[in-house]
Amino acid sequence: VPVKYDDDVLAVMEVFGMIRQEPDALLLHLLEVSSVQLATAELRERAEQRAEAAQSEASAAREELEAVLECAPALVIAIDRDGAIRFANKPLPNGMIGDAVGSSWRSYVPLSAQSRVQHAFKIVCDGGAPQTLEITEVAADGGKHWFTTYLTPMRSGSKVSGALLVSQDVTQMKRAEQDLYGAQRLASIGTLAAGVAHEINTP
């Protein structure tokens, strides 16, 4: 008796008797019913094994991605359309207690920049182009910190399910630019002073 599902034969059942007899129609019917049940059970087990393997691979890939993002120097958070965090590679800032997942993205953004980020977030969730912002934060000691913040839409199929926010601390680069600009100004002033002195000495 074939153990099959639709036209797919999975196995064959063989039944042996000690006494030769005519085919038993009731027995054959029971065997056919049993073969269908066996095929269904076999297919269910195969499907469960494939699902477990896929789940294991997905979990391993997620763990690897989270490990990589934890080492990234930038802040990376995934935000749903309601503004709640679904993933964050950094803990809550400033010693805040609790899990970042489920909290608002505002926990990571200075109060002075929240309206700009909210506006960019709305543009992205409405299907607009990715947004780039420069955010300045004043530290407790009065020093400035600069961040380049990038928001891009996250999609689930054809729908925008939220936004991905990536924020990079560019304070050292900004300070280096300011130092370079100051040095260039001093050089320009020195060149101008040398020219004036030359004109005074040689009228």
Protein backbone atom coordinates (compact mmCIF):
# COMPACT_ATOMS: atom_id res chain seq x y z
CA VAL A 1 0.00 0.00 0.00
CA PRO A 2 1.59 3.34 -0.99
CA VAL A 3 2.01 5.93 1.72
CA LYS A 4 1.45 9.07 -0.30
CA TYR A 5 0.21 12.62 -0.12
CA ASP A 6 -1.54 13.66 -3.33
CA ASP A 7 0.78 12.22 -5.99
CA ASP A 8 3.91 12.23 -3.82
CA VAL A 9 4.75 8.67 -2.65
CA LEU A 10 6.64 8.90 0.63
CA ALA A 11 6.92 5.17 1.43
CA VAL A 12 5.31 1.79 0.91
CA MET A 13 3.60 -0.44 3.51
CA GLU A 14 3.87 -4.22 3.06
CA VAL A 15 1.62 -6.60 4.98
CA PHE A 16 2.42 -10.33 5.22
CA GLY A 17 0.09 -13.11 6.34
CA MET A 18 0.96 -16.62 7.48
CA ILE A 19 -2.11 -18.10 5.77
CA ARG A 20 -2.96 -17.66 2.10
CA GLN A 21 -6.35 -16.03 1.67
CA GLU A 22 -8.37 -13.87 -0.67
CA PRO A 23 -7.84 -10.08 -0.47
CA ASP A 24 -9.84 -8.57 2.39
CA ALA A 25 -11.55 -5.38 1.14
CA LEU A 26 -12.08 -4.06 4.68
CA LEU A 27 -8.42 -4.63 5.57
CA LEU A 28 -7.28 -2.93 2.37
CA HIS A 29 -9.49 0.05 3.13
CA LEU A 30 -8.09 0.31 6.66
CA LEU A 31 -4.55 0.15 5.25
CA GLU A 32 -5.32 2.92 2.78
CA VAL A 33 -6.72 5.11 5.58
CA SER A 34 -3.67 4.33 7.70
CA SER A 35 -1.36 5.24 4.82
CA VAL A 36 -2.99 8.67 4.50
CA GLN A 37 -2.59 9.26 8.24
CA LEU A 38 1.06 8.17 8.11
CA ALA A 39 1.73 10.45 5.15
CA THR A 40 0.12 13.40 6.94
CA ALA A 41 2.16 12.72 10.08
CA GLU A 42 5.37 12.39 8.05
CA LEU A 43 4.77 15.66 6.20
CA ARG A 44 3.96 17.43 9.48
CA GLU A 45 7.20 16.18 11.02
CA ARG A 46 9.21 17.30 7.99
CA ALA A 47 7.55 20.73 8.08
CA GLU A 48 8.31 21.07 11.81
CA GLN A 49 11.94 20.12 11.22
CA ARG A 50 12.26 22.70 8.44
CA ALA A 51 10.60 25.34 10.62
CA GLU A 52 12.93 24.57 13.54
CA ALA A 53 15.96 24.75 11.25
CA ALA A 54 14.80 28.06 9.79
CA GLN A 55 14.11 29.45 13.27
CA SER A 56 17.54 28.35 14.46
CA GLU A 57 19.22 29.99 11.47
CA ALA A 58 17.22 33.20 11.97
CA SER A 59 18.10 33.32 15.68
CA ALA A 60 21.79 32.77 14.93
CA ALA A 61 21.75 35.49 12.26
CA ARG A 62 19.98 37.91 14.63
CA GLU A 63 22.48 37.22 17.43
CA GLU A 64 25.38 37.78 15.05
CA LEU A 65 23.87 41.03 13.77
CA GLU A 66 23.24 42.29 17.31
CA ALA A 67 26.84 41.44 18.28
CA VAL A 68 28.14 43.39 15.29
CA LEU A 69 25.89 46.40 16.00
CA GLU A 70 26.92 46.46 19.66
CA CYS A 71 30.50 47.06 18.51
CA ALA A 72 29.49 49.79 16.06
CA PRO A 73 30.55 53.30 17.16
CA ALA A 74 27.20 54.74 16.01
CA LEU A 75 23.82 54.61 17.71
CA VAL A 76 21.43 52.39 15.72
CA ILE A 77 17.77 52.18 16.72
CA ALA A 78 14.76 50.77 14.89
CA ILE A 79 11.55 52.72 15.52
CA ASP A 80 8.01 51.63 14.70
CA ARG A 81 5.40 54.02 13.32
CA ASP A 82 4.17 54.82 16.84
CA GLY A 83 7.62 56.04 17.86
CA ALA A 84 8.45 53.05 20.07
CA ILE A 85 11.90 51.49 19.89
CA ARG A 86 12.01 47.95 18.55
CA PHE A 87 15.80 47.55 18.65
CA ALA A 88 18.67 49.59 20.06
CA ASN A 89 22.36 48.71 20.01
CA LYS A 90 23.13 51.00 22.96
CA PRO A 91 21.62 51.12 26.46
CA LEU A 92 19.46 54.01 27.56
CA PRO A 93 21.60 57.16 27.94
CA ASN A 94 22.51 59.12 31.07
CA GLY A 95 22.07 56.19 33.42
CA MET A 96 18.34 55.82 32.71
CA ILE A 97 16.93 52.61 34.15
CA GLY A 98 14.91 50.20 32.02
CA ASP A 99 14.93 48.43 28.71
CA ALA A 100 15.36 50.54 25.58
CA VAL A 101 12.94 48.31 23.65
CA GLY A 102 9.45 49.72 23.98
CA SER A 103 10.58 53.16 25.15
CA SER A 104 10.41 56.30 23.03
CA TRP A 105 13.16 57.40 20.65
CA ARG A 106 13.09 60.74 22.50
CA SER A 107 15.17 59.11 25.24
CA TYR A 108 18.17 59.24 22.89
CA VAL A 109 17.63 62.70 21.38
CA PRO A 110 18.39 66.04 23.11
CA LEU A 111 15.29 68.06 23.94
CA SER A 112 16.42 70.92 21.69
CA ALA A 113 16.47 68.63 18.62
CA GLN A 114 13.37 66.52 19.24
CA SER A 115 11.04 68.65 17.11
CA ARG A 116 13.43 68.42 14.12
CA VAL A 117 13.80 64.66 14.51
CA GLN A 118 10.01 64.30 14.85
CA HIS A 119 9.53 66.23 11.60
CA ALA A 120 12.12 64.08 9.79
CA PHE A 121 10.57 60.92 11.25
CA LYS A 122 7.14 61.91 9.91
CA ILE A 123 8.58 62.56 6.43
CA VAL A 124 10.27 59.15 6.39
CA CYS A 125 7.18 57.28 7.64
CA ASP A 126 5.04 59.01 5.02
CA GLY A 127 7.22 57.49 2.31
CA GLY A 128 9.55 60.42 1.83
CA ALA A 129 13.27 60.41 1.14
CA PRO A 130 15.84 59.59 3.88
CA GLN A 131 16.65 62.57 6.11
CA THR A 132 20.02 63.76 7.46
CA LEU A 133 20.25 66.10 10.46
CA GLU A 134 23.09 67.72 12.37
CA ILE A 135 22.35 67.82 16.09
CA THR A 136 24.26 69.88 18.65
CA GLU A 137 24.16 69.01 22.35
CA VAL A 138 25.62 71.03 25.22
CA ALA A 139 27.26 68.84 27.84
CA ALA A 140 27.11 69.42 31.59
CA ASP A 141 30.56 71.04 31.51
CA GLY A 142 29.39 73.51 28.87
CA GLY A 143 31.20 71.82 25.99
CA LYS A 144 29.46 71.16 22.70
CA HIS A 145 28.94 67.78 21.09
CA TRP A 146 27.90 67.29 17.47
CA PHE A 147 25.99 64.34 16.02
CA THR A 148 25.11 63.50 12.44
CA THR A 149 21.75 61.74 12.49
CA TYR A 150 20.37 59.78 9.55
CA LEU A 151 16.78 58.47 9.27
CA THR A 152 15.67 56.05 6.58
CA PRO A 153 12.38 54.14 6.16
CA MET A 154 12.03 50.51 7.21
CA ARG A 155 9.71 48.54 4.98
CA SER A 156 7.59 45.45 5.49
CA GLY A 157 6.68 44.43 1.98
CA SER A 158 5.45 47.56 0.24
CA LYS A 159 4.47 49.38 3.46
CA VAL A 160 6.67 51.58 5.64
CA SER A 161 6.69 49.96 9.08
CA GLY A 162 8.89 52.54 10.77
CA ALA A 163 12.28 54.17 10.54
CA LEU A 164 15.91 53.30 11.20
CA LEU A 165 17.84 56.01 13.02
CA VAL A 166 21.65 56.04 12.87
CA SER A 167 23.46 58.72 14.85
CA GLN A 168 27.24 59.22 14.75
CA ASP A 169 29.24 61.39 17.18
CA VAL A 170 31.29 63.74 14.98
CA THR A 171 32.55 66.01 17.78
CA GLN A 172 36.24 65.28 17.18
CA MET A 173 35.85 65.92 13.47
CA LYS A 174 34.04 69.21 14.10
CA ARG A 175 36.71 70.35 16.54
CA ALA A 176 39.42 69.40 14.06
CA GLU A 177 37.61 71.44 11.39
CA GLN A 178 37.40 74.41 13.76
CA ASP A 179 41.10 74.12 14.58
CA LEU A 180 41.94 73.95 10.88
CA TYR A 181 39.73 76.96 10.15
CA GLY A 182 41.42 78.90 12.96
CA ALA A 183 44.86 77.98 11.66
CA GLN A 184 43.87 79.07 8.15
CA ARG A 185 42.63 82.42 9.49
CA LEU A 186 45.88 82.96 11.38
CA ALA A 187 47.84 82.12 8.26
CA SER A 188 45.77 84.58 6.24
CA ILE A 189 46.27 87.30 8.86
CA GLY A 190 50.01 86.57 8.88
CA THR A 191 50.17 86.85 5.09
CA LEU A 192 48.22 90.13 5.17
CA ALA A 193 50.45 91.55 7.92
CA ALA A 194 53.59 90.60 6.00
CA GLY A 195 52.21 92.32 2.88
CA VAL A 196 51.35 95.50 4.81
CA ALA A 197 54.80 95.56 6.43
CA HIS A 198 56.40 95.15 3.01
CA GLU A 199 54.39 98.07 1.61
CA ILE A 200 55.32 100.27 4.59
CA ASN A 201 59.03 99.45 4.24
CA THR A 202 59.00 99.97 0.48
CA PRO A 203 56.51 102.77 -0.33
